[in-house]
Amino acid sequence: MEHEQILRINELARKKKTVGLTPEETEEQAALRKQYISEYRANVEAQLRNVLVEQEDGTYKPLVKKG
């Protein structure tokens, strides 16, 4: 996500607290938040794929996603 998009999310959040948002701005805010959250989750999952857990016998195994 680009820096300008993050600034826009913050700008819309401040405007919502002060004067409120138009329906178009509300839709824009929802879309930007959805994109931000999906990119954040993808980054966390990528980090977790690189995590190895040491087993009792001294070997290392990658984390396994449940369900």
PDB file of N, CA and C in Angstrom:
ATOM      1  N   MET A   1       0.844  -1.164   0.000  1.00  0.00           N
ATOM      2  CA  MET A   1       0.000   0.000   0.000  1.00  0.00           C
ATOM      3  C   MET A   1       0.892   1.230   0.000  1.00  0.00           C
ATOM      4  N   GLU A   2       0.574   2.164  -0.830  1.00  0.00           N
ATOM      5  CA  GLU A   2       1.379   3.369  -0.945  1.00  0.00           C
ATOM      6  C   GLU A   2       1.125   4.327   0.218  1.00  0.00           C
ATOM      7  N   HIS A   3       2.117   5.145   0.470  1.00  0.00           N
ATOM      8  CA  HIS A   3       2.057   6.081   1.590  1.00  0.00           C
ATOM      9  C   HIS A   3       0.871   7.038   1.441  1.00  0.00           C
ATOM     10  N   GLU A   4       0.582   7.460   0.220  1.00  0.00           N
ATOM     11  CA  GLU A   4      -0.536   8.384  -0.011  1.00  0.00           C
ATOM     12  C   GLU A   4      -1.863   7.743   0.384  1.00  0.00           C
ATOM     13  N   GLN A   5      -1.998   6.447   0.157  1.00  0.00           N
ATOM     14  CA  GLN A   5      -3.230   5.753   0.512  1.00  0.00           C
ATOM     15  C   GLN A   5      -3.399   5.690   2.028  1.00  0.00           C
ATOM     16  N   ILE A   6      -2.315   5.469   2.733  1.00  0.00           N
ATOM     17  CA  ILE A   6      -2.370   5.444   4.196  1.00  0.00           C
ATOM     18  C   ILE A   6      -2.725   6.828   4.726  1.00  0.00           C
ATOM     19  N   LEU A   7      -2.149   7.856   4.134  1.00  0.00           N
ATOM     20  CA  LEU A   7      -2.502   9.214   4.536  1.00  0.00           C
ATOM     21  C   LEU A   7      -3.980   9.493   4.291  1.00  0.00           C
ATOM     22  N   ARG A   8      -4.514   8.976   3.185  1.00  0.00           N
ATOM     23  CA  ARG A   8      -5.928   9.176   2.869  1.00  0.00           C
ATOM     24  C   ARG A   8      -6.818   8.463   3.889  1.00  0.00           C
ATOM     25  N   ILE A   9      -6.432   7.255   4.301  1.00  0.00           N
ATOM     26  CA  ILE A   9      -7.184   6.534   5.339  1.00  0.00           C
ATOM     27  C   ILE A   9      -7.238   7.383   6.613  1.00  0.00           C
ATOM     28  N   ASN A  10      -6.104   7.924   7.009  1.00  0.00           N
ATOM     29  CA  ASN A  10      -6.044   8.738   8.221  1.00  0.00           C
ATOM     30  C   ASN A  10      -6.853  10.026   8.076  1.00  0.00           C
ATOM     31  N   GLU A  11      -6.787  10.622   6.897  1.00  0.00           N
ATOM     32  CA  GLU A  11      -7.547  11.840   6.641  1.00  0.00           C
ATOM     33  C   GLU A  11      -9.049  11.574   6.752  1.00  0.00           C
ATOM     34  N   LEU A  12      -9.496  10.482   6.161  1.00  0.00           N
ATOM     35  CA  LEU A  12     -10.916  10.141   6.234  1.00  0.00           C
ATOM     36  C   LEU A  12     -11.345   9.826   7.664  1.00  0.00           C
ATOM     37  N   ALA A  13     -10.471   9.183   8.434  1.00  0.00           N
ATOM     38  CA  ALA A  13     -10.790   8.868   9.830  1.00  0.00           C
ATOM     39  C   ALA A  13     -10.961  10.147  10.642  1.00  0.00           C
ATOM     40  N   ARG A  14     -10.064  11.124  10.418  1.00  0.00           N
ATOM     41  CA  ARG A  14     -10.184  12.403  11.138  1.00  0.00           C
ATOM     42  C   ARG A  14     -11.462  13.136  10.724  1.00  0.00           C
ATOM     43  N   LYS A  15     -11.752  13.119   9.435  1.00  0.00           N
ATOM     44  CA  LYS A  15     -12.947  13.816   8.951  1.00  0.00           C
ATOM     45  C   LYS A  15     -14.217  13.167   9.505  1.00  0.00           C
ATOM     46  N   LYS A  16     -14.204  11.837   9.608  1.00  0.00           N
ATOM     47  CA  LYS A  16     -15.372  11.131  10.141  1.00  0.00           C
ATOM     48  C   LYS A  16     -15.647  11.554  11.579  1.00  0.00           C
ATOM     49  N   LYS A  17     -14.585  11.766  12.354  1.00  0.00           N
ATOM     50  CA  LYS A  17     -14.747  12.166  13.757  1.00  0.00           C
ATOM     51  C   LYS A  17     -15.226  13.605  13.898  1.00  0.00           C
ATOM     52  N   THR A  18     -14.872  14.462  12.937  1.00  0.00           N
ATOM     53  CA  THR A  18     -15.198  15.873  13.083  1.00  0.00           C
ATOM     54  C   THR A  18     -16.506  16.256  12.393  1.00  0.00           C
ATOM     55  N   VAL A  19     -16.568  16.101  11.069  1.00  0.00           N
ATOM     56  CA  VAL A  19     -17.748  16.589  10.343  1.00  0.00           C
ATOM     57  C   VAL A  19     -18.568  15.482   9.712  1.00  0.00           C
ATOM     58  N   GLY A  20     -18.048  14.278   9.681  1.00  0.00           N
ATOM     59  CA  GLY A  20     -18.766  13.170   9.055  1.00  0.00           C
ATOM     60  C   GLY A  20     -18.354  12.983   7.596  1.00  0.00           C
ATOM     61  N   LEU A  21     -18.719  11.837   7.049  1.00  0.00           N
ATOM     62  CA  LEU A  21     -18.338  11.497   5.686  1.00  0.00           C
ATOM     63  C   LEU A  21     -19.555  11.425   4.780  1.00  0.00           C
ATOM     64  N   THR A  22     -19.330  11.709   3.518  1.00  0.00           N
ATOM     65  CA  THR A  22     -20.376  11.514   2.524  1.00  0.00           C
ATOM     66  C   THR A  22     -20.456  10.018   2.219  1.00  0.00           C
ATOM     67  N   PRO A  23     -21.528   9.558   1.585  1.00  0.00           N
ATOM     68  CA  PRO A  23     -21.613   8.131   1.233  1.00  0.00           C
ATOM     69  C   PRO A  23     -20.450   7.667   0.344  1.00  0.00           C
ATOM     70  N   GLU A  24     -20.003   8.540  -0.559  1.00  0.00           N
ATOM     71  CA  GLU A  24     -18.867   8.177  -1.423  1.00  0.00           C
ATOM     72  C   GLU A  24     -17.589   8.020  -0.611  1.00  0.00           C
ATOM     73  N   GLU A  25     -17.382   8.910   0.343  1.00  0.00           N
ATOM     74  CA  GLU A  25     -16.185   8.833   1.190  1.00  0.00           C
ATOM     75  C   GLU A  25     -16.243   7.609   2.098  1.00  0.00           C
ATOM     76  N   THR A  26     -17.429   7.255   2.556  1.00  0.00           N
ATOM     77  CA  THR A  26     -17.581   6.062   3.382  1.00  0.00           C
ATOM     78  C   THR A  26     -17.203   4.819   2.587  1.00  0.00           C
ATOM     79  N   GLU A  27     -17.629   4.740   1.341  1.00  0.00           N
ATOM     80  CA  GLU A  27     -17.264   3.609   0.479  1.00  0.00           C
ATOM     81  C   GLU A  27     -15.766   3.586   0.213  1.00  0.00           C
ATOM     82  N   GLU A  28     -15.187   4.761  -0.031  1.00  0.00           N
ATOM     83  CA  GLU A  28     -13.746   4.845  -0.268  1.00  0.00           C
ATOM     84  C   GLU A  28     -12.977   4.380   0.965  1.00  0.00           C
ATOM     85  N   GLN A  29     -13.424   4.816   2.136  1.00  0.00           N
ATOM     86  CA  GLN A  29     -12.759   4.433   3.380  1.00  0.00           C
ATOM     87  C   GLN A  29     -12.821   2.922   3.584  1.00  0.00           C
ATOM     88  N   ALA A  30     -13.978   2.334   3.327  1.00  0.00           N
ATOM     89  CA  ALA A  30     -14.131   0.884   3.488  1.00  0.00           C
ATOM     90  C   ALA A  30     -13.223   0.130   2.529  1.00  0.00           C
ATOM     91  N   ALA A  31     -13.141   0.591   1.285  1.00  0.00           N
ATOM     92  CA  ALA A  31     -12.293  -0.077   0.291  1.00  0.00           C
ATOM     93  C   ALA A  31     -10.818   0.034   0.670  1.00  0.00           C
ATOM     94  N   LEU A  32     -10.401   1.209   1.117  1.00  0.00           N
ATOM     95  CA  LEU A  32      -8.999   1.403   1.513  1.00  0.00           C
ATOM     96  C   LEU A  32      -8.648   0.556   2.734  1.00  0.00           C
ATOM     97  N   ARG A  33      -9.559   0.495   3.692  1.00  0.00           N
ATOM     98  CA  ARG A  33      -9.313  -0.322   4.887  1.00  0.00           C
ATOM     99  C   ARG A  33      -9.216  -1.801   4.525  1.00  0.00           C
ATOM    100  N   LYS A  34     -10.101  -2.246   3.640  1.00  0.00           N
ATOM    101  CA  LYS A  34     -10.086  -3.647   3.222  1.00  0.00           C
ATOM    102  C   LYS A  34      -8.761  -3.990   2.545  1.00  0.00           C
ATOM    103  N   GLN A  35      -8.290  -3.099   1.682  1.00  0.00           N
ATOM    104  CA  GLN A  35      -7.007  -3.319   1.003  1.00  0.00           C
ATOM    105  C   GLN A  35      -5.863  -3.337   2.013  1.00  0.00           C
ATOM    106  N   TYR A  36      -5.875  -2.392   2.958  1.00  0.00           N
ATOM    107  CA  TYR A  36      -4.824  -2.319   3.966  1.00  0.00           C
ATOM    108  C   TYR A  36      -4.773  -3.603   4.792  1.00  0.00           C
ATOM    109  N   ILE A  37      -5.924  -4.077   5.231  1.00  0.00           N
ATOM    110  CA  ILE A  37      -5.986  -5.280   6.068  1.00  0.00           C
ATOM    111  C   ILE A  37      -5.518  -6.506   5.292  1.00  0.00           C
ATOM    112  N   SER A  38      -5.916  -6.626   4.035  1.00  0.00           N
ATOM    113  CA  SER A  38      -5.495  -7.797   3.257  1.00  0.00           C
ATOM    114  C   SER A  38      -3.985  -7.793   3.034  1.00  0.00           C
ATOM    115  N   GLU A  39      -3.403  -6.617   2.774  1.00  0.00           N
ATOM    116  CA  GLU A  39      -1.948  -6.536   2.605  1.00  0.00           C
ATOM    117  C   GLU A  39      -1.228  -6.798   3.921  1.00  0.00           C
ATOM    118  N   TYR A  40      -1.777  -6.328   5.017  1.00  0.00           N
ATOM    119  CA  TYR A  40      -1.180  -6.564   6.329  1.00  0.00           C
ATOM    120  C   TYR A  40      -1.167  -8.055   6.645  1.00  0.00           C
ATOM    121  N   ARG A  41      -2.289  -8.730   6.412  1.00  0.00           N
ATOM    122  CA  ARG A  41      -2.371 -10.168   6.664  1.00  0.00           C
ATOM    123  C   ARG A  41      -1.398 -10.940   5.787  1.00  0.00           C
ATOM    124  N   ALA A  42      -1.270 -10.539   4.530  1.00  0.00           N
ATOM    125  CA  ALA A  42      -0.336 -11.211   3.622  1.00  0.00           C
ATOM    126  C   ALA A  42       1.096 -11.063   4.124  1.00  0.00           C
ATOM    127  N   ASN A  43       1.442  -9.887   4.643  1.00  0.00           N
ATOM    128  CA  ASN A  43       2.785  -9.676   5.180  1.00  0.00           C
ATOM    129  C   ASN A  43       3.037 -10.536   6.412  1.00  0.00           C
ATOM    130  N   VAL A  44       2.057 -10.633   7.292  1.00  0.00           N
ATOM    131  CA  VAL A  44       2.215 -11.452   8.499  1.00  0.00           C
ATOM    132  C   VAL A  44       2.355 -12.927   8.119  1.00  0.00           C
ATOM    133  N   GLU A  45       1.533 -13.390   7.181  1.00  0.00           N
ATOM    134  CA  GLU A  45       1.626 -14.784   6.743  1.00  0.00           C
ATOM    135  C   GLU A  45       2.978 -15.072   6.115  1.00  0.00           C
ATOM    136  N   ALA A  46       3.514 -14.125   5.349  1.00  0.00           N
ATOM    137  CA  ALA A  46       4.830 -14.311   4.736  1.00  0.00           C
ATOM    138  C   ALA A  46       5.914 -14.419   5.808  1.00  0.00           C
ATOM    139  N   GLN A  47       5.805 -13.620   6.851  1.00  0.00           N
ATOM    140  CA  GLN A  47       6.771 -13.697   7.943  1.00  0.00           C
ATOM    141  C   GLN A  47       6.669 -15.035   8.669  1.00  0.00           C
ATOM    142  N   LEU A  48       5.444 -15.489   8.905  1.00  0.00           N
ATOM    143  CA  LEU A  48       5.257 -16.742   9.637  1.00  0.00           C
ATOM    144  C   LEU A  48       5.720 -17.951   8.832  1.00  0.00           C
ATOM    145  N   ARG A  49       5.693 -17.853   7.504  1.00  0.00           N
ATOM    146  CA  ARG A  49       6.197 -18.962   6.681  1.00  0.00           C
ATOM    147  C   ARG A  49       7.697 -19.161   6.865  1.00  0.00           C
ATOM    148  N   ASN A  50       8.388 -18.125   7.329  1.00  0.00           N
ATOM    149  CA  ASN A  50       9.830 -18.209   7.542  1.00  0.00           C
ATOM    150  C   ASN A  50      10.207 -18.575   8.975  1.00  0.00           C
ATOM    151  N   VAL A  51       9.228 -18.809   9.822  1.00  0.00           N
ATOM    152  CA  VAL A  51       9.492 -19.158  11.223  1.00  0.00           C
ATOM    153  C   VAL A  51       9.661 -20.664  11.343  1.00  0.00           C
ATOM    154  N   LEU A  52      10.715 -21.064  12.031  1.00  0.00           N
ATOM    155  CA  LEU A  52      10.958 -22.476  12.315  1.00  0.00           C
ATOM    156  C   LEU A  52      10.854 -22.700  13.817  1.00  0.00           C
ATOM    157  N   VAL A  53      10.255 -23.821  14.192  1.00  0.00           N
ATOM    158  CA  VAL A  53      10.080 -24.157  15.601  1.00  0.00           C
ATOM    159  C   VAL A  53      11.001 -25.320  15.931  1.00  0.00           C
ATOM    160  N   GLU A  54      11.787 -25.157  16.992  1.00  0.00           N
ATOM    161  CA  GLU A  54      12.700 -26.219  17.400  1.00  0.00           C
ATOM    162  C   GLU A  54      11.909 -27.314  18.113  1.00  0.00           C
ATOM    163  N   GLN A  55      12.097 -28.536  17.683  1.00  0.00           N
ATOM    164  CA  GLN A  55      11.427 -29.685  18.275  1.00  0.00           C
ATOM    165  C   GLN A  55      12.260 -30.209  19.446  1.00  0.00           C
ATOM    166  N   GLU A  56      11.690 -31.134  20.207  1.00  0.00           N
ATOM    167  CA  GLU A  56      12.396 -31.677  21.374  1.00  0.00           C
ATOM    168  C   GLU A  56      13.672 -32.400  20.989  1.00  0.00           C
ATOM    169  N   ASP A  57      13.692 -32.996  19.776  1.00  0.00           N
ATOM    170  CA  ASP A  57      14.886 -33.726  19.357  1.00  0.00           C
ATOM    171  C   ASP A  57      15.949 -32.822  18.734  1.00  0.00           C
ATOM    172  N   GLY A  58      15.731 -31.525  18.710  1.00  0.00           N
ATOM    173  CA  GLY A  58      16.716 -30.576  18.205  1.00  0.00           C
ATOM    174  C   GLY A  58      16.528 -30.199  16.747  1.00  0.00           C
ATOM    175  N   THR A  59      15.590 -30.820  16.047  1.00  0.00           N
ATOM    176  CA  THR A  59      15.340 -30.460  14.659  1.00  0.00           C
ATOM    177  C   THR A  59      14.413 -29.243  14.596  1.00  0.00           C
ATOM    178  N   TYR A  60      14.377 -28.640  13.446  1.00  0.00           N
ATOM    179  CA  TYR A  60      13.522 -27.470  13.233  1.00  0.00           C
ATOM    180  C   TYR A  60      12.487 -27.795  12.177  1.00  0.00           C
ATOM    181  N   LYS A  61      11.256 -27.398  12.462  1.00  0.00           N
ATOM    182  CA  LYS A  61      10.171 -27.611  11.518  1.00  0.00           C
ATOM    183  C   LYS A  61       9.414 -26.304  11.321  1.00  0.00           C
ATOM    184  N   PRO A  62       8.917 -26.066  10.117  1.00  0.00           N
ATOM    185  CA  PRO A  62       8.152 -24.834   9.884  1.00  0.00           C
ATOM    186  C   PRO A  62       6.790 -24.894  10.576  1.00  0.00           C
ATOM    187  N   LEU A  63       6.246 -23.738  10.819  1.00  0.00           N
ATOM    188  CA  LEU A  63       4.902 -23.658  11.392  1.00  0.00           C
ATOM    189  C   LEU A  63       3.905 -24.229  10.392  1.00  0.00           C
ATOM    190  N   VAL A  64       2.861 -24.854  10.913  1.00  0.00           N
ATOM    191  CA  VAL A  64       1.813 -25.442  10.066  1.00  0.00           C
ATOM    192  C   VAL A  64       0.517 -24.689  10.367  1.00  0.00           C
ATOM    193  N   LYS A  65      -0.146 -24.243   9.318  1.00  0.00           N
ATOM    194  CA  LYS A  65      -1.396 -23.530   9.482  1.00  0.00           C
ATOM    195  C   LYS A  65      -2.503 -24.513   9.858  1.00  0.00           C
ATOM    196  N   LYS A  66      -3.255 -24.188  10.906  1.00  0.00           N
ATOM    197  CA  LYS A  66      -4.353 -25.058  11.339  1.00  0.00           C
ATOM    198  C   LYS A  66      -5.569 -24.854  10.445  1.00  0.00           C
ATOM    199  N   GLY A  67      -6.315 -25.923  10.308  1.00  0.00           N
ATOM    200  CA  GLY A  67      -7.588 -25.898   9.620  1.00  0.00           C
ATOM    201  C   GLY A  67      -7.524 -25.273   8.307  1.00  0.00           C
TER     202      GLY A  67
END
